[in-house]
Structure formats: structure tokens, C-alpha cells
Amino acid sequence: MLPILDQSVEQLQTWMLEHDQRPYRAAQIRKWLFAKRANSWEQMTDLPLGLREQLASEFTIGSTEIAVHRKDDDGTEKLLLTLADGTRSAPAALQVECVLLRDDKGHCSICISTQVGCAMKCAFCATGLGGLTRNLTTGEILEQMLQLQRLLKPEERLSHIVCMGMGEPLANLDRLMPALAAASAKDGLGIGVRKITISTVGLPVGIRRLAEQNCQYHLAVSLHAPNDELRTQLMPTNRNIGIEAVLAAADAYFEKTGRRVTYEYILLAGVNDGPIEANQLVSLLRGRPSLINLIPYNPVRGLKFRTPHPSAVARFVEILEQGGLNVAIRHRKGARIDAACGQLRRAAVSPREANAVPIVEMTKDE
């Protein structure tokens, strides 16, 4: 049984011809999957019964099972999905998270995962605590989008996609790019490429590969520190890369696409949220066409990083703005449902294991 979402339009058309069916049936299937939110072959009533039976014998529509569904009062909904190769005895090793976020403007954004776990081992992130299991397939990436789409009310439509869930998107580009192409296609989800964001820890090779494709997706680079020493403490991948290489690749992306790069900066109380770090960040990014997205830390069980006081955040913003940088603050959503990346999957393992993570408490002096 093959996942239908792993099949391109061309592959579906070829299958139709090989089974004495008209190629336009492929377009009908995609309309049912992406526009009509179908999750069974029986729902596709404009397909001949015989064709539906043939399809059901060879293809699965869904390969994931909703293990946990949580809702917050702010409209945020989070799913923990068990993949087809997961087991009842050890499901968490093959589970991924995805989130639906609603705002007061009527926008419905989704945050999706690209890998099972993550190999980047960022010190403040719950996802990396369990390491990397495997890449997600194109179909598994798309299925997160469809699972979240089915949570929408009839009058709601998806407006934005953010690849900011579990995993490093640029480490799985070969499977991510076809998924995003389907999501942005007119016969897919129809989401404009400029409303799709790829977030990365900053892998220069992957960033330059994106630039060469001139794909017009929005690039968000997780910076989180204004100097190599602190960034390496927080993000071990920086040890073999360095901030300058990351910025050079991001500059190349802007030059090729004309799209302003966002630099994400998670504010950790007493670690990277002081005036010294703010001024260093100004020196680093002044003159670059960019947006600084400040993210007050969303606490993770088992880690001792803390959310900074609002006054510290305000002072940090003031210094950046006085330095000529464009600044936005990401408002926390879904805090009561473990909406931060990796939290729900971690908690699903068992409360005891989730709380048994070695305590990591960092200061700027370490």
C-alpha cells in the first residue's frame, strides 16, 4: 500500500493510463484531498466505483493516527500524530507534532514538522532531547497540513504555513520541497509561496540551495545569540559553522530572491537578554535588510531556562530599535497545551521520563 500523498500529479496520471483510466482523474483526486478535505475513497463520489476500489487496493489516503489532540482558549490546537511505522508499545519514537494557530485577524496558520526528532541539539529545545529518528516523507509532511485543515470550521481557510516544528527543514529538503510545491499549487492548498516560511538553525549549504532555486519562500534563521561563543553553547551546530557563514548565506538568499530574512532570537532570562547582547546584535545586523523576531522563552519541563521579565524584553527591544533594526515580538500561543516544539511528544513518553531530563542551567559567564 502506497501513500497517495507521496504521488506527484504526473505519477497519478501515469497510474491512470496504466489502469485504463482518464488522466484527468488525477486532478479530481487532488481536489478531494486538498480542497474538499476528504479522508476516505468512499467520499470521492465523482470517481467511478471500480476506480475507487482499485485505488483503495493500492493506496492509503492517511498514514498517521491522531494520538493526542489539545485545544487552548486562544484558538490554538495541537496534534500529536503517530506515524504508520509507530507501534503501540513504543509510539513516541515515531510521533510528530503540528499546530494550528488562529489570530484575531482571521488568519489560520499551521506549524509543521519535517523530521521525527532533531539532530541539532539546541540546549533550550524539547525536540532535540530525544535525538533524531528519521526524516519525514513528502506524504507525511503533507498529511500534517491536511490533518490540521480538517480542524477548521467551514468558513475558515489556511493562510500561512511555517516549517518550524520538529526537525531541521534544510536537512530534509528533498522531501520538503515537493510537499511545499503541492501546498502552494492551485490544485493543492493554494497557499501563496510568500506565505510559507522555512525556519532553520542556519545550515549555509541548505540556505544557498534554496537561494539557487529562487523559490520565494520566506527564510527565518534561528540566531539566538550575537556571538559565536554563546551561540555554540546554545546551538552546538554553530561550532563547525560560525555566525559569519550563516549571515553570508542569508545575505546570498536576499540577493537572489529579494526577500528580507527574518532572524529569530529566543530570549532566555539571564543568558542572552541583556544590554550587552542587544548591542552586539545591533552591531551584527545593522545594515542588513532583515526583521528581528524576538521570542520570549516558552518553558520546557526538565530545562531550567526561564522566560525573561517584560521589563528586560522592553529594554532589549528599545536598544535594537535605537540601533535601527526592525523588531517584532512573537506572542506566545498555546502555552497551556504544550504548544512549544517537542513538548507534547516529550510529555507523551511519560511524565516521569519527561521530568528526568538532565537539568541544564546556563549563564553568560559559563
Protein backbone atom coordinates (compact mmCIF):
# COMPACT_ATOMS: atom_id res chain seq x y z
CA MET A 1 0.00 0.00 0.00
CA LEU A 2 1.44 3.32 -1.11
CA PRO A 3 0.52 6.68 0.48
CA ILE A 4 -1.39 8.65 -2.13
CA LEU A 5 0.17 11.87 -0.83
CA ASP A 6 3.61 10.64 -1.88
CA GLN A 7 2.44 10.56 -5.51
CA SER A 8 3.00 13.57 -7.76
CA VAL A 9 0.39 14.67 -10.31
CA GLU A 10 2.49 13.12 -13.05
CA GLN A 11 2.76 9.82 -11.21
CA LEU A 12 -1.00 9.73 -10.66
CA GLN A 13 -1.65 10.48 -14.32
CA THR A 14 0.71 7.67 -15.34
CA TRP A 15 -1.09 5.29 -12.95
CA MET A 16 -4.41 6.22 -14.51
CA LEU A 17 -3.18 5.48 -18.01
CA GLU A 18 -1.71 2.15 -16.89
CA HIS A 19 -5.11 1.21 -15.44
CA ASP A 20 -7.16 2.31 -18.47
CA GLN A 21 -8.41 5.45 -16.74
CA ARG A 22 -8.51 9.03 -17.99
CA PRO A 23 -5.57 11.15 -16.73
CA TYR A 24 -7.93 13.93 -15.56
CA ARG A 25 -8.97 11.64 -12.72
CA ALA A 26 -5.70 12.62 -11.01
CA ALA A 27 -6.93 16.22 -10.76
CA GLN A 28 -10.22 15.01 -9.28
CA ILE A 29 -8.38 13.09 -6.58
CA ARG A 30 -6.24 16.11 -5.66
CA LYS A 31 -9.36 18.28 -5.42
CA TRP A 32 -10.92 15.83 -2.99
CA LEU A 33 -7.74 15.64 -0.91
CA PHE A 34 -6.81 19.31 -0.75
CA ALA A 35 -9.99 21.33 -1.34
CA LYS A 36 -12.79 19.09 -0.09
CA ARG A 37 -10.85 17.68 2.90
CA ALA A 38 -11.74 14.07 2.10
CA ASN A 39 -10.18 11.32 4.21
CA SER A 40 -11.64 8.24 2.52
CA TRP A 41 -12.07 6.91 -1.01
CA GLU A 42 -15.80 6.49 -0.38
CA GLN A 43 -16.20 10.25 -0.14
CA MET A 44 -14.89 10.78 -3.69
CA THR A 45 -18.30 10.29 -5.24
CA ASP A 46 -17.49 11.62 -8.71
CA LEU A 47 -14.99 8.77 -9.23
CA PRO A 48 -16.38 5.51 -10.65
CA LEU A 49 -16.89 2.83 -8.02
CA GLY A 50 -14.49 0.49 -9.81
CA LEU A 51 -11.76 3.12 -9.79
CA ARG A 52 -12.29 3.80 -6.11
CA GLU A 53 -11.93 0.09 -5.39
CA GLN A 54 -8.72 -0.06 -7.43
CA LEU A 55 -7.31 2.96 -5.62
CA ALA A 56 -8.28 1.56 -2.22
CA SER A 57 -6.44 -1.66 -3.02
CA GLU A 58 -3.19 0.12 -3.84
CA PHE A 59 -3.12 3.45 -1.98
CA THR A 60 -3.77 4.74 1.51
CA ILE A 61 -5.12 8.25 2.00
CA GLY A 62 -3.82 8.65 5.52
CA SER A 63 -0.83 7.04 7.18
CA THR A 64 -0.92 8.87 10.51
CA GLU A 65 -3.14 8.46 13.55
CA ILE A 66 -4.03 11.26 15.94
CA ALA A 67 -2.62 10.22 19.32
CA VAL A 68 -3.35 13.47 21.17
CA HIS A 69 -5.47 16.49 20.25
CA ARG A 70 -5.29 19.50 22.55
CA LYS A 71 -7.09 22.85 22.37
CA ASP A 72 -6.38 26.16 24.05
CA ASP A 73 -8.77 29.02 24.76
CA ASP A 74 -6.81 31.25 22.37
CA GLY A 75 -7.85 29.07 19.41
CA THR A 76 -4.61 27.12 19.20
CA GLU A 77 -4.92 23.40 18.50
CA LYS A 78 -2.09 20.90 18.62
CA LEU A 79 -1.91 17.38 17.27
CA LEU A 80 0.48 14.60 18.19
CA LEU A 81 0.50 12.19 15.26
CA THR A 82 1.70 8.59 15.34
CA LEU A 83 3.28 7.54 12.06
CA ALA A 84 2.48 4.31 10.25
CA ASP A 85 5.70 2.65 11.44
CA GLY A 86 4.98 3.51 15.07
CA THR A 87 3.88 0.81 17.49
CA ARG A 88 1.59 0.71 20.47
CA SER A 89 4.46 -0.45 22.65
CA ALA A 90 6.78 2.41 21.66
CA PRO A 91 4.78 5.07 19.80
CA ALA A 92 6.63 8.19 20.92
CA ALA A 93 9.76 7.32 18.94
CA LEU A 94 7.67 7.72 15.79
CA GLN A 95 5.44 10.64 16.62
CA VAL A 96 5.45 14.20 15.34
CA GLU A 97 3.71 17.39 16.35
CA CYS A 98 1.88 20.00 14.31
CA VAL A 99 -0.04 23.08 15.38
CA LEU A 100 -2.95 25.21 14.15
CA LEU A 101 -2.79 28.84 15.24
CA ARG A 102 -5.61 31.34 14.85
CA ASP A 103 -5.27 35.11 15.27
CA ASP A 104 -7.73 37.95 15.74
CA LYS A 105 -7.45 38.89 12.05
CA GLY A 106 -8.98 35.62 10.94
CA HIS A 107 -5.69 34.09 9.82
CA CYS A 108 -5.25 30.34 10.27
CA SER A 109 -1.57 29.44 10.26
CA ILE A 110 -0.10 25.99 10.66
CA CYS A 111 3.27 24.93 12.03
CA ILE A 112 4.53 21.59 10.71
CA SER A 113 7.39 19.19 11.41
CA THR A 114 9.92 17.90 8.89
CA GLN A 115 11.70 15.20 10.91
CA VAL A 116 10.97 12.75 13.70
CA GLY A 117 13.04 14.35 16.43
CA CYS A 118 16.04 16.54 15.65
CA ALA A 119 19.81 16.18 15.50
CA MET A 120 20.61 19.86 16.15
CA LYS A 121 20.52 19.50 19.99
CA CYS A 122 19.72 23.14 20.77
CA ALA A 123 20.02 23.48 24.54
CA PHE A 124 16.62 25.12 25.07
CA CYS A 125 14.52 22.87 22.81
CA ALA A 126 12.46 19.86 23.86
CA THR A 127 12.62 18.21 20.44
CA GLY A 128 16.36 17.64 20.41
CA LEU A 129 16.36 15.90 23.81
CA GLY A 130 15.47 12.59 22.16
CA GLY A 131 17.74 12.94 19.14
CA LEU A 132 16.83 12.26 15.51
CA THR A 133 14.90 9.15 14.47
CA ARG A 134 14.37 9.76 10.75
CA ASN A 135 13.25 12.20 8.06
CA LEU A 136 9.57 12.55 7.27
CA THR A 137 8.39 11.62 3.79
CA THR A 138 6.73 14.11 1.47
CA GLY A 139 3.40 12.46 2.17
CA GLU A 140 3.86 12.64 5.95
CA ILE A 141 4.64 16.35 5.69
CA LEU A 142 1.56 16.94 3.56
CA GLU A 143 -0.62 14.85 5.83
CA GLN A 144 0.12 17.15 8.76
CA MET A 145 -1.29 20.01 6.69
CA LEU A 146 -4.43 18.04 5.84
CA GLN A 147 -4.95 16.83 9.40
CA LEU A 148 -4.83 20.43 10.61
CA GLN A 149 -7.00 21.63 7.75
CA ARG A 150 -9.74 19.23 8.88
CA LEU A 151 -9.85 21.07 12.23
CA LEU A 152 -11.02 24.26 10.52
CA LYS A 153 -14.58 25.49 10.57
CA PRO A 154 -16.34 25.51 7.17
CA GLU A 155 -15.73 29.24 6.75
CA GLU A 156 -12.05 29.07 7.72
CA ARG A 157 -9.15 28.65 5.31
CA LEU A 158 -5.46 28.05 5.84
CA SER A 159 -3.49 31.25 5.28
CA HIS A 160 0.14 30.54 6.22
CA ILE A 161 2.49 27.58 6.60
CA VAL A 162 5.50 27.66 8.89
CA CYS A 163 8.11 24.88 8.82
CA MET A 164 9.11 25.47 12.42
CA GLY A 165 8.04 22.27 14.16
CA MET A 166 10.15 19.24 14.97
CA GLY A 167 13.35 18.79 12.99
CA GLU A 168 15.61 20.89 10.77
CA PRO A 169 13.84 21.61 7.46
CA LEU A 170 17.02 22.19 5.46
CA ALA A 171 18.23 18.70 6.45
CA ASN A 172 15.22 17.21 4.64
CA LEU A 173 14.85 19.48 1.62
CA ASP A 174 14.43 16.67 -0.91
CA ARG A 175 11.14 15.66 0.73
CA LEU A 176 10.06 19.08 1.98
CA MET A 177 10.23 20.91 -1.33
CA PRO A 178 7.70 18.65 -3.16
CA ALA A 179 5.35 18.98 -0.17
CA LEU A 180 5.53 22.77 -0.25
CA ALA A 181 5.09 22.76 -4.02
CA ALA A 182 1.86 20.79 -3.57
CA ALA A 183 0.74 23.11 -0.78
CA SER A 184 1.27 26.21 -2.91
CA ALA A 185 -0.18 24.77 -6.12
CA LYS A 186 -3.58 26.00 -7.32
CA ASP A 187 -4.83 22.41 -7.28
CA GLY A 188 -3.24 21.90 -3.87
CA LEU A 189 -3.88 24.06 -0.82
CA GLY A 190 -3.39 27.23 -2.86
CA ILE A 191 -1.22 28.97 -0.28
CA GLY A 192 1.00 31.64 -1.81
CA VAL A 193 4.72 30.97 -1.69
CA ARG A 194 5.25 34.28 0.13
CA LYS A 195 3.07 32.98 2.95
CA ILE A 196 5.27 29.94 3.50
CA THR A 197 8.18 30.20 5.96
CA ILE A 198 11.13 27.84 6.26
CA SER A 199 12.89 28.14 9.61
CA THR A 200 16.44 26.86 10.01
CA VAL A 201 19.19 26.76 12.63
CA GLY A 202 21.34 28.15 9.83
CA LEU A 203 22.80 25.50 7.53
CA PRO A 204 24.66 27.53 4.88
CA VAL A 205 24.61 24.78 2.24
CA GLY A 206 20.85 24.41 2.54
CA ILE A 207 20.26 28.17 2.54
CA ARG A 208 22.33 28.58 -0.62
CA ARG A 209 20.49 25.68 -2.22
CA LEU A 210 17.19 27.45 -1.51
CA ALA A 211 18.61 30.65 -2.95
CA GLU A 212 19.61 28.94 -6.19
CA GLN A 213 16.10 27.60 -6.60
CA ASN A 214 14.76 31.15 -6.18
CA CYS A 215 11.70 29.62 -4.56
CA GLN A 216 10.48 32.86 -2.89
CA TYR A 217 9.68 31.18 0.41
CA HIS A 218 10.28 33.31 3.45
CA LEU A 219 13.53 32.37 5.24
CA ALA A 220 13.76 32.54 9.03
CA VAL A 221 17.18 31.93 10.59
CA SER A 222 17.35 30.92 14.26
CA LEU A 223 20.16 33.12 15.54
CA HIS A 224 19.52 33.20 19.33
CA ALA A 225 22.92 34.70 20.22
CA PRO A 226 25.00 37.62 18.92
CA ASN A 227 28.42 35.97 19.24
CA ASP A 228 29.91 32.59 18.43
CA GLU A 229 30.82 31.63 22.00
CA LEU A 230 27.29 31.98 23.34
CA ARG A 231 25.66 30.64 20.18
CA THR A 232 27.76 27.48 20.34
CA GLN A 233 26.67 26.93 23.95
CA LEU A 234 23.03 27.24 22.93
CA MET A 235 23.30 25.64 19.47
CA PRO A 236 26.12 23.09 19.17
CA THR A 237 25.87 23.07 15.35
CA ASN A 238 27.41 26.54 15.40
CA ARG A 239 30.75 25.08 16.46
CA ASN A 240 31.53 23.91 12.91
CA ILE A 241 29.75 26.73 11.09
CA GLY A 242 30.03 30.11 12.81
CA ILE A 243 27.75 33.10 12.66
CA GLU A 244 29.56 34.80 9.79
CA ALA A 245 28.98 31.83 7.47
CA VAL A 246 25.30 31.78 8.41
CA LEU A 247 24.91 35.51 7.74
CA ALA A 248 26.79 35.27 4.45
CA ALA A 249 24.41 32.54 3.23
CA ALA A 250 21.40 34.56 4.39
CA ASP A 251 22.75 37.61 2.53
CA ALA A 252 23.03 35.47 -0.60
CA TYR A 253 19.42 34.39 -0.16
CA PHE A 254 18.30 38.02 -0.04
CA GLU A 255 20.40 38.96 -3.06
CA LYS A 256 18.94 36.11 -5.11
CA THR A 257 15.30 36.30 -4.06
CA GLY A 258 14.84 39.89 -2.87
CA ARG A 259 13.11 38.51 0.21
CA ARG A 260 14.00 40.04 3.55
CA VAL A 261 15.37 37.46 6.00
CA THR A 262 13.93 37.09 9.49
CA TYR A 263 16.35 36.40 12.33
CA GLU A 264 14.71 34.60 15.23
CA TYR A 265 16.06 35.31 18.67
CA ILE A 266 14.71 33.41 21.65
CA LEU A 267 15.07 35.46 24.83
CA LEU A 268 16.41 33.43 27.76
CA ALA A 269 16.42 35.19 31.12
CA GLY A 270 19.93 35.93 32.31
CA VAL A 271 21.53 34.22 29.33
CA ASN A 272 21.14 36.30 26.16
CA ASP A 273 18.65 39.02 27.06
CA GLY A 274 20.90 41.75 28.46
CA PRO A 275 22.01 45.14 27.09
CA ILE A 276 25.41 43.72 26.11
CA GLU A 277 23.82 41.08 23.89
CA ALA A 278 21.36 43.60 22.48
CA ASN A 279 24.16 45.96 21.44
CA GLN A 280 26.16 43.09 19.96
CA LEU A 281 23.09 42.10 17.94
CA VAL A 282 22.79 45.65 16.62
CA SER A 283 26.43 45.58 15.50
CA LEU A 284 25.91 42.21 13.84
CA LEU A 285 22.75 43.00 11.88
CA ARG A 286 22.79 46.75 11.30
CA GLY A 287 22.50 47.49 7.58
CA ARG A 288 21.11 44.08 6.67
CA PRO A 289 17.54 44.08 5.25
CA SER A 290 16.03 41.97 7.97
CA LEU A 291 13.43 41.58 10.67
CA ILE A 292 14.38 40.53 14.20
CA ASN A 293 11.71 38.24 15.64
CA LEU A 294 12.10 38.17 19.42
CA ILE A 295 10.63 35.13 21.16
CA PRO A 296 10.28 35.18 24.95
CA TYR A 297 11.13 31.65 26.06
CA ASN A 298 8.31 29.11 26.44
CA PRO A 299 9.46 26.96 29.40
CA VAL A 300 10.17 23.26 28.83
CA ARG A 301 9.82 20.66 31.58
CA GLY A 302 13.25 19.44 32.62
CA LEU A 303 15.12 22.53 31.42
CA LYS A 304 15.95 25.41 33.74
CA PHE A 305 15.84 28.24 31.18
CA ARG A 306 13.40 30.94 32.21
CA THR A 307 11.17 33.47 30.49
CA PRO A 308 12.62 36.99 30.82
CA HIS A 309 10.77 39.69 32.73
CA PRO A 310 8.70 42.03 30.49
CA SER A 311 10.95 44.93 31.50
CA ALA A 312 14.01 43.05 30.20
CA VAL A 313 12.21 42.37 26.94
CA ALA A 314 11.21 46.03 26.63
CA ARG A 315 14.80 47.18 27.23
CA PHE A 316 16.12 44.70 24.65
CA VAL A 317 13.61 45.96 22.08
CA GLU A 318 14.48 49.58 22.85
CA ILE A 319 18.19 49.01 22.19
CA LEU A 320 17.53 47.19 18.92
CA GLU A 321 15.15 49.85 17.65
CA GLN A 322 17.53 52.65 18.64
CA GLY A 323 20.16 50.78 16.65
CA GLY A 324 17.99 50.91 13.54
CA LEU A 325 16.78 47.31 13.49
CA ASN A 326 13.24 46.23 12.62
CA VAL A 327 11.82 44.30 15.55
CA ALA A 328 8.75 42.15 16.18
CA ILE A 329 7.82 40.19 19.29
CA ARG A 330 6.19 36.81 18.91
CA HIS A 331 3.30 36.49 21.31
CA ARG A 332 3.03 33.12 22.98
CA LYS A 333 0.11 30.93 21.96
CA GLY A 334 -0.93 27.53 23.23
CA ALA A 335 1.13 27.77 26.41
CA ARG A 336 -1.42 25.66 28.28
CA ILE A 337 -1.34 22.81 25.74
CA ASP A 338 2.44 22.30 25.41
CA ALA A 339 2.46 24.11 22.06
CA ALA A 340 6.19 24.76 22.03
CA CYS A 341 8.10 22.45 19.71
CA GLY A 342 8.60 18.95 21.12
CA GLN A 343 6.81 19.46 24.42
CA LEU A 344 3.73 17.38 23.71
CA ARG A 345 5.70 14.47 22.25
CA ARG A 346 8.05 14.58 25.25
CA ALA A 347 5.18 14.56 27.71
CA ALA A 348 3.52 11.66 25.88
CA VAL A 349 6.50 9.41 26.58
CA SER A 350 5.68 9.55 30.30
CA PRO A 351 5.67 12.30 32.89
CA ARG A 352 8.48 10.56 34.74
CA GLU A 353 10.74 10.40 31.67
CA ALA A 354 9.87 13.94 30.64
CA ASN A 355 10.95 15.24 34.01
CA ALA A 356 14.08 13.10 34.17
CA VAL A 357 15.97 15.20 31.63
CA PRO A 358 19.31 16.38 32.96
CA ILE A 359 18.92 19.93 34.26
CA VAL A 360 20.74 22.49 32.14
CA GLU A 361 21.16 25.90 33.68
CA MET A 362 23.37 28.28 31.71
CA THR A 363 24.61 31.76 32.45
CA LYS A 364 26.57 34.18 30.33
CA ASP A 365 29.67 33.51 32.42
CA GLU A 366 29.82 29.80 31.62
